[in-house]
Amino acid sequence: MNYGNLAYKLPEYEESPARKKKRRKKGKVSRRTREQMAIRRKLLKRVSVIAVIALSAGFMISQFVAVNEGEQKIASLRRQLSKQEAATSQMIFDMEQGVDLSEIERQATTKLGMQRPEKYQTVYVNVKKDDMTEKTAGEVESFSSRVMSAIKSTGRHIVNFFSIK
């Protein structure tokens, strides 16, 4: 009789594939799986970069389109303005041509009893000066005005440099 170890000995058997797979998941990851994960990560990074670049390009294109539409609208409004200004100047010209000064003088003398002043009479005329400005050459060509125009010009150049065209 053998009194050494009384523990029950299990018979030796081969492990099932499902059990091997479960044990593999708990333990180390195989080299092939690591390579596949690295490939997936690289692919995900590439797709992410492409998506960011595509979104950036789409945003830039939309801004370019918005700027172009704005410029076209401005050009259209400028054309309309020039047409309206031409029509207005034509109407003013027609109105001025339609005024007959001799007819006005005749009506003033006959209907209103007005008469021209004599040579010895003095006529005073009050002219409003609210609607006009006077600038002398000294104001226009002074040092301070040249400095201000240089600063404004520099500002316009900076804005044009950073604007989207």
C-alpha atoms as a PDB file:
ATOM      1  CA  MET A   1       0.000   0.000   0.000  1.00  0.00           C
ATOM      2  CA  ASN A   2       1.015   3.425  -0.798  1.00  0.00           C
ATOM      3  CA  TYR A   3       0.500   5.937   2.014  1.00  0.00           C
ATOM      4  CA  GLY A   4       2.392   8.877   0.495  1.00  0.00           C
ATOM      5  CA  ASN A   5      -0.284  11.202  -0.948  1.00  0.00           C
ATOM      6  CA  LEU A   6      -3.917  10.623  -0.569  1.00  0.00           C
ATOM      7  CA  ALA A   7      -5.000  13.352  -3.037  1.00  0.00           C
ATOM      8  CA  TYR A   8      -7.126  12.273  -5.918  1.00  0.00           C
ATOM      9  CA  LYS A   9      -5.333  12.347  -9.229  1.00  0.00           C
ATOM     10  CA  LEU A  10      -7.309  13.739 -12.146  1.00  0.00           C
ATOM     11  CA  PRO A  11      -6.927  11.998 -15.423  1.00  0.00           C
ATOM     12  CA  GLU A  12      -4.987  13.929 -18.039  1.00  0.00           C
ATOM     13  CA  TYR A  13      -7.096  15.381 -20.839  1.00  0.00           C
ATOM     14  CA  GLU A  14      -6.762  17.890 -23.629  1.00  0.00           C
ATOM     15  CA  GLU A  15      -8.204  21.373 -23.149  1.00  0.00           C
ATOM     16  CA  SER A  16     -11.139  22.412 -25.357  1.00  0.00           C
ATOM     17  CA  PRO A  17     -10.659  25.257 -27.940  1.00  0.00           C
ATOM     18  CA  ALA A  18     -13.238  27.440 -26.198  1.00  0.00           C
ATOM     19  CA  ARG A  19     -11.377  27.063 -22.909  1.00  0.00           C
ATOM     20  CA  LYS A  20      -8.043  27.925 -24.611  1.00  0.00           C
ATOM     21  CA  LYS A  21      -9.609  31.070 -26.131  1.00  0.00           C
ATOM     22  CA  LYS A  22     -10.974  32.134 -22.743  1.00  0.00           C
ATOM     23  CA  ARG A  23      -7.593  31.580 -21.092  1.00  0.00           C
ATOM     24  CA  ARG A  24      -5.881  33.587 -23.870  1.00  0.00           C
ATOM     25  CA  LYS A  25      -8.215  36.513 -23.269  1.00  0.00           C
ATOM     26  CA  LYS A  26      -7.394  36.571 -19.581  1.00  0.00           C
ATOM     27  CA  GLY A  27      -3.678  36.380 -20.105  1.00  0.00           C
ATOM     28  CA  LYS A  28      -1.312  37.656 -22.735  1.00  0.00           C
ATOM     29  CA  VAL A  29      -2.426  39.031 -26.090  1.00  0.00           C
ATOM     30  CA  SER A  30      -0.914  37.268 -29.024  1.00  0.00           C
ATOM     31  CA  ARG A  31       1.520  39.010 -31.329  1.00  0.00           C
ATOM     32  CA  ARG A  32      -0.870  38.765 -34.253  1.00  0.00           C
ATOM     33  CA  THR A  33      -3.640  40.455 -32.267  1.00  0.00           C
ATOM     34  CA  ARG A  34      -1.280  43.272 -31.236  1.00  0.00           C
ATOM     35  CA  GLU A  35      -0.334  43.828 -34.891  1.00  0.00           C
ATOM     36  CA  GLN A  36      -4.005  43.920 -35.898  1.00  0.00           C
ATOM     37  CA  MET A  37      -4.745  46.447 -33.140  1.00  0.00           C
ATOM     38  CA  ALA A  38      -1.811  48.623 -34.258  1.00  0.00           C
ATOM     39  CA  ILE A  39      -3.073  48.510 -37.856  1.00  0.00           C
ATOM     40  CA  ARG A  40      -6.566  49.475 -36.676  1.00  0.00           C
ATOM     41  CA  ARG A  41      -5.166  52.392 -34.648  1.00  0.00           C
ATOM     42  CA  LYS A  42      -3.170  53.646 -37.648  1.00  0.00           C
ATOM     43  CA  LEU A  43      -6.240  53.349 -39.850  1.00  0.00           C
ATOM     44  CA  LEU A  44      -8.350  55.224 -37.292  1.00  0.00           C
ATOM     45  CA  LYS A  45      -5.722  57.988 -37.078  1.00  0.00           C
ATOM     46  CA  ARG A  46      -5.606  58.312 -40.856  1.00  0.00           C
ATOM     47  CA  VAL A  47      -9.390  58.454 -41.135  1.00  0.00           C
ATOM     48  CA  SER A  48      -9.493  61.067 -38.345  1.00  0.00           C
ATOM     49  CA  VAL A  49      -6.872  63.231 -40.085  1.00  0.00           C
ATOM     50  CA  ILE A  50      -8.709  62.954 -43.398  1.00  0.00           C
ATOM     51  CA  ALA A  51     -11.993  63.895 -41.691  1.00  0.00           C
ATOM     52  CA  VAL A  52     -10.417  66.963 -40.031  1.00  0.00           C
ATOM     53  CA  ILE A  53      -8.846  68.068 -43.324  1.00  0.00           C
ATOM     54  CA  ALA A  54     -12.139  67.553 -45.164  1.00  0.00           C
ATOM     55  CA  LEU A  55     -14.063  69.575 -42.563  1.00  0.00           C
ATOM     56  CA  SER A  56     -11.452  72.347 -42.691  1.00  0.00           C
ATOM     57  CA  ALA A  57     -11.617  72.437 -46.481  1.00  0.00           C
ATOM     58  CA  GLY A  58     -15.410  72.523 -46.365  1.00  0.00           C
ATOM     59  CA  PHE A  59     -15.339  75.412 -43.898  1.00  0.00           C
ATOM     60  CA  MET A  60     -12.842  77.346 -46.036  1.00  0.00           C
ATOM     61  CA  ILE A  61     -14.907  76.762 -49.168  1.00  0.00           C
ATOM     62  CA  SER A  62     -18.087  77.913 -47.422  1.00  0.00           C
ATOM     63  CA  GLN A  63     -16.324  81.093 -46.269  1.00  0.00           C
ATOM     64  CA  PHE A  64     -15.016  81.698 -49.780  1.00  0.00           C
ATOM     65  CA  VAL A  65     -18.519  81.251 -51.202  1.00  0.00           C
ATOM     66  CA  ALA A  66     -19.966  83.632 -48.603  1.00  0.00           C
ATOM     67  CA  VAL A  67     -17.356  86.270 -49.447  1.00  0.00           C
ATOM     68  CA  ASN A  68     -17.996  85.903 -53.173  1.00  0.00           C
ATOM     69  CA  GLU A  69     -21.751  86.170 -52.679  1.00  0.00           C
ATOM     70  CA  GLY A  70     -21.213  89.311 -50.592  1.00  0.00           C
ATOM     71  CA  GLU A  71     -18.962  90.832 -53.260  1.00  0.00           C
ATOM     72  CA  GLN A  72     -21.532  90.035 -55.964  1.00  0.00           C
ATOM     73  CA  LYS A  73     -24.279  91.646 -53.893  1.00  0.00           C
ATOM     74  CA  ILE A  74     -22.115  94.740 -53.349  1.00  0.00           C
ATOM     75  CA  ALA A  75     -21.385  94.960 -57.068  1.00  0.00           C
ATOM     76  CA  SER A  76     -25.102  94.632 -57.862  1.00  0.00           C
ATOM     77  CA  LEU A  77     -25.995  97.354 -55.361  1.00  0.00           C
ATOM     78  CA  ARG A  78     -23.283  99.633 -56.767  1.00  0.00           C
ATOM     79  CA  ARG A  79     -24.700  99.158 -60.270  1.00  0.00           C
ATOM     80  CA  GLN A  80     -28.176  99.989 -58.990  1.00  0.00           C
ATOM     81  CA  LEU A  81     -26.802 103.067 -57.209  1.00  0.00           C
ATOM     82  CA  SER A  82     -25.055 104.314 -60.330  1.00  0.00           C
ATOM     83  CA  LYS A  83     -28.268 103.835 -62.343  1.00  0.00           C
ATOM     84  CA  GLN A  84     -30.262 105.742 -59.732  1.00  0.00           C
ATOM     85  CA  GLU A  85     -27.679 108.536 -59.625  1.00  0.00           C
ATOM     86  CA  ALA A  86     -27.761 108.809 -63.418  1.00  0.00           C
ATOM     87  CA  ALA A  87     -31.568 108.934 -63.375  1.00  0.00           C
ATOM     88  CA  THR A  88     -31.519 111.557 -60.611  1.00  0.00           C
ATOM     89  CA  SER A  89     -29.018 113.768 -62.433  1.00  0.00           C
ATOM     90  CA  GLN A  90     -31.084 113.462 -65.623  1.00  0.00           C
ATOM     91  CA  MET A  91     -34.225 114.480 -63.733  1.00  0.00           C
ATOM     92  CA  ILE A  92     -32.437 117.460 -62.163  1.00  0.00           C
ATOM     93  CA  PHE A  93     -31.188 118.508 -65.586  1.00  0.00           C
ATOM     94  CA  ASP A  94     -34.674 118.194 -67.062  1.00  0.00           C
ATOM     95  CA  MET A  95     -36.131 120.169 -64.168  1.00  0.00           C
ATOM     96  CA  GLU A  96     -33.562 122.935 -64.562  1.00  0.00           C
ATOM     97  CA  GLN A  97     -34.238 123.073 -68.296  1.00  0.00           C
ATOM     98  CA  GLY A  98     -37.959 123.255 -67.618  1.00  0.00           C
ATOM     99  CA  VAL A  99     -37.599 126.442 -65.551  1.00  0.00           C
ATOM    100  CA  ASP A 100     -38.067 129.515 -67.712  1.00  0.00           C
ATOM    101  CA  LEU A 101     -36.608 132.533 -65.888  1.00  0.00           C
ATOM    102  CA  SER A 102     -38.355 135.039 -68.142  1.00  0.00           C
ATOM    103  CA  GLU A 103     -41.706 133.424 -67.288  1.00  0.00           C
ATOM    104  CA  ILE A 104     -40.892 133.611 -63.572  1.00  0.00           C
ATOM    105  CA  GLU A 105     -39.977 137.321 -63.905  1.00  0.00           C
ATOM    106  CA  ARG A 106     -43.169 138.054 -65.848  1.00  0.00           C
ATOM    107  CA  GLN A 107     -45.311 136.339 -63.174  1.00  0.00           C
ATOM    108  CA  ALA A 108     -43.453 138.153 -60.373  1.00  0.00           C
ATOM    109  CA  THR A 109     -44.044 141.570 -61.974  1.00  0.00           C
ATOM    110  CA  THR A 110     -47.632 141.053 -63.126  1.00  0.00           C
ATOM    111  CA  LYS A 111     -49.223 138.861 -60.432  1.00  0.00           C
ATOM    112  CA  LEU A 112     -47.159 139.775 -57.385  1.00  0.00           C
ATOM    113  CA  GLY A 113     -46.383 143.385 -58.302  1.00  0.00           C
ATOM    114  CA  MET A 114     -42.666 142.966 -57.765  1.00  0.00           C
ATOM    115  CA  GLN A 115     -40.052 145.091 -59.524  1.00  0.00           C
ATOM    116  CA  ARG A 116     -36.293 145.036 -60.040  1.00  0.00           C
ATOM    117  CA  PRO A 117     -34.254 147.137 -57.609  1.00  0.00           C
ATOM    118  CA  GLU A 118     -32.909 150.465 -58.847  1.00  0.00           C
ATOM    119  CA  LYS A 119     -29.179 151.194 -59.074  1.00  0.00           C
ATOM    120  CA  TYR A 120     -29.192 153.382 -55.969  1.00  0.00           C
ATOM    121  CA  GLN A 121     -30.931 150.683 -53.824  1.00  0.00           C
ATOM    122  CA  THR A 122     -28.934 148.196 -51.741  1.00  0.00           C
ATOM    123  CA  VAL A 123     -30.153 144.603 -51.595  1.00  0.00           C
ATOM    124  CA  TYR A 124     -29.117 142.328 -48.742  1.00  0.00           C
ATOM    125  CA  VAL A 125     -29.334 138.564 -49.161  1.00  0.00           C
ATOM    126  CA  ASN A 126     -28.964 136.181 -46.229  1.00  0.00           C
ATOM    127  CA  VAL A 127     -27.343 132.916 -47.297  1.00  0.00           C
ATOM    128  CA  LYS A 128     -27.328 129.950 -44.958  1.00  0.00           C
ATOM    129  CA  LYS A 129     -23.862 128.454 -44.624  1.00  0.00           C
ATOM    130  CA  ASP A 130     -24.937 125.245 -42.864  1.00  0.00           C
ATOM    131  CA  ASP A 131     -24.759 123.100 -45.952  1.00  0.00           C
ATOM    132  CA  MET A 132     -21.223 123.853 -47.088  1.00  0.00           C
ATOM    133  CA  THR A 133     -17.717 123.515 -45.743  1.00  0.00           C
ATOM    134  CA  GLU A 134     -14.590 125.428 -46.464  1.00  0.00           C
ATOM    135  CA  LYS A 135     -11.144 123.928 -46.271  1.00  0.00           C
ATOM    136  CA  THR A 136      -7.999 125.837 -46.889  1.00  0.00           C
ATOM    137  CA  ALA A 137      -4.929 124.379 -48.504  1.00  0.00           C
ATOM    138  CA  GLY A 138      -3.117 124.667 -45.173  1.00  0.00           C
ATOM    139  CA  GLU A 139      -5.614 122.342 -43.473  1.00  0.00           C
ATOM    140  CA  VAL A 140      -5.493 119.796 -46.260  1.00  0.00           C
ATOM    141  CA  GLU A 141      -1.730 119.752 -46.690  1.00  0.00           C
ATOM    142  CA  SER A 142      -0.683 120.122 -43.039  1.00  0.00           C
ATOM    143  CA  PHE A 143       1.676 117.694 -41.330  1.00  0.00           C
ATOM    144  CA  SER A 144      -1.016 116.299 -39.020  1.00  0.00           C
ATOM    145  CA  SER A 145      -3.370 115.543 -41.923  1.00  0.00           C
ATOM    146  CA  ARG A 146      -0.568 113.735 -43.779  1.00  0.00           C
ATOM    147  CA  VAL A 147       0.221 111.667 -40.659  1.00  0.00           C
ATOM    148  CA  MET A 148      -3.459 110.761 -40.219  1.00  0.00           C
ATOM    149  CA  SER A 149      -3.788 109.769 -43.880  1.00  0.00           C
ATOM    150  CA  ALA A 150      -0.661 107.591 -43.573  1.00  0.00           C
ATOM    151  CA  ILE A 151      -2.097 105.866 -40.476  1.00  0.00           C
ATOM    152  CA  LYS A 152      -5.447 105.277 -42.217  1.00  0.00           C
ATOM    153  CA  SER A 153      -3.663 103.926 -45.286  1.00  0.00           C
ATOM    154  CA  THR A 154      -1.594 101.542 -43.157  1.00  0.00           C
ATOM    155  CA  GLY A 155      -4.757 100.365 -41.387  1.00  0.00           C
ATOM    156  CA  ARG A 156      -6.476  99.674 -44.726  1.00  0.00           C
ATOM    157  CA  HIS A 157      -3.449  97.715 -45.947  1.00  0.00           C
ATOM    158  CA  ILE A 158      -3.424  95.597 -42.771  1.00  0.00           C
ATOM    159  CA  VAL A 159      -7.158  94.869 -43.069  1.00  0.00           C
ATOM    160  CA  ASN A 160      -6.774  93.977 -46.766  1.00  0.00           C
ATOM    161  CA  PHE A 161      -3.848  91.684 -45.960  1.00  0.00           C
ATOM    162  CA  PHE A 162      -5.826  89.669 -43.395  1.00  0.00           C
ATOM    163  CA  SER A 163      -9.145  89.635 -45.267  1.00  0.00           C
ATOM    164  CA  ILE A 164     -10.336  86.601 -47.233  1.00  0.00           C
ATOM    165  CA  LYS A 165     -10.290  87.098 -50.983  1.00  0.00           C
END
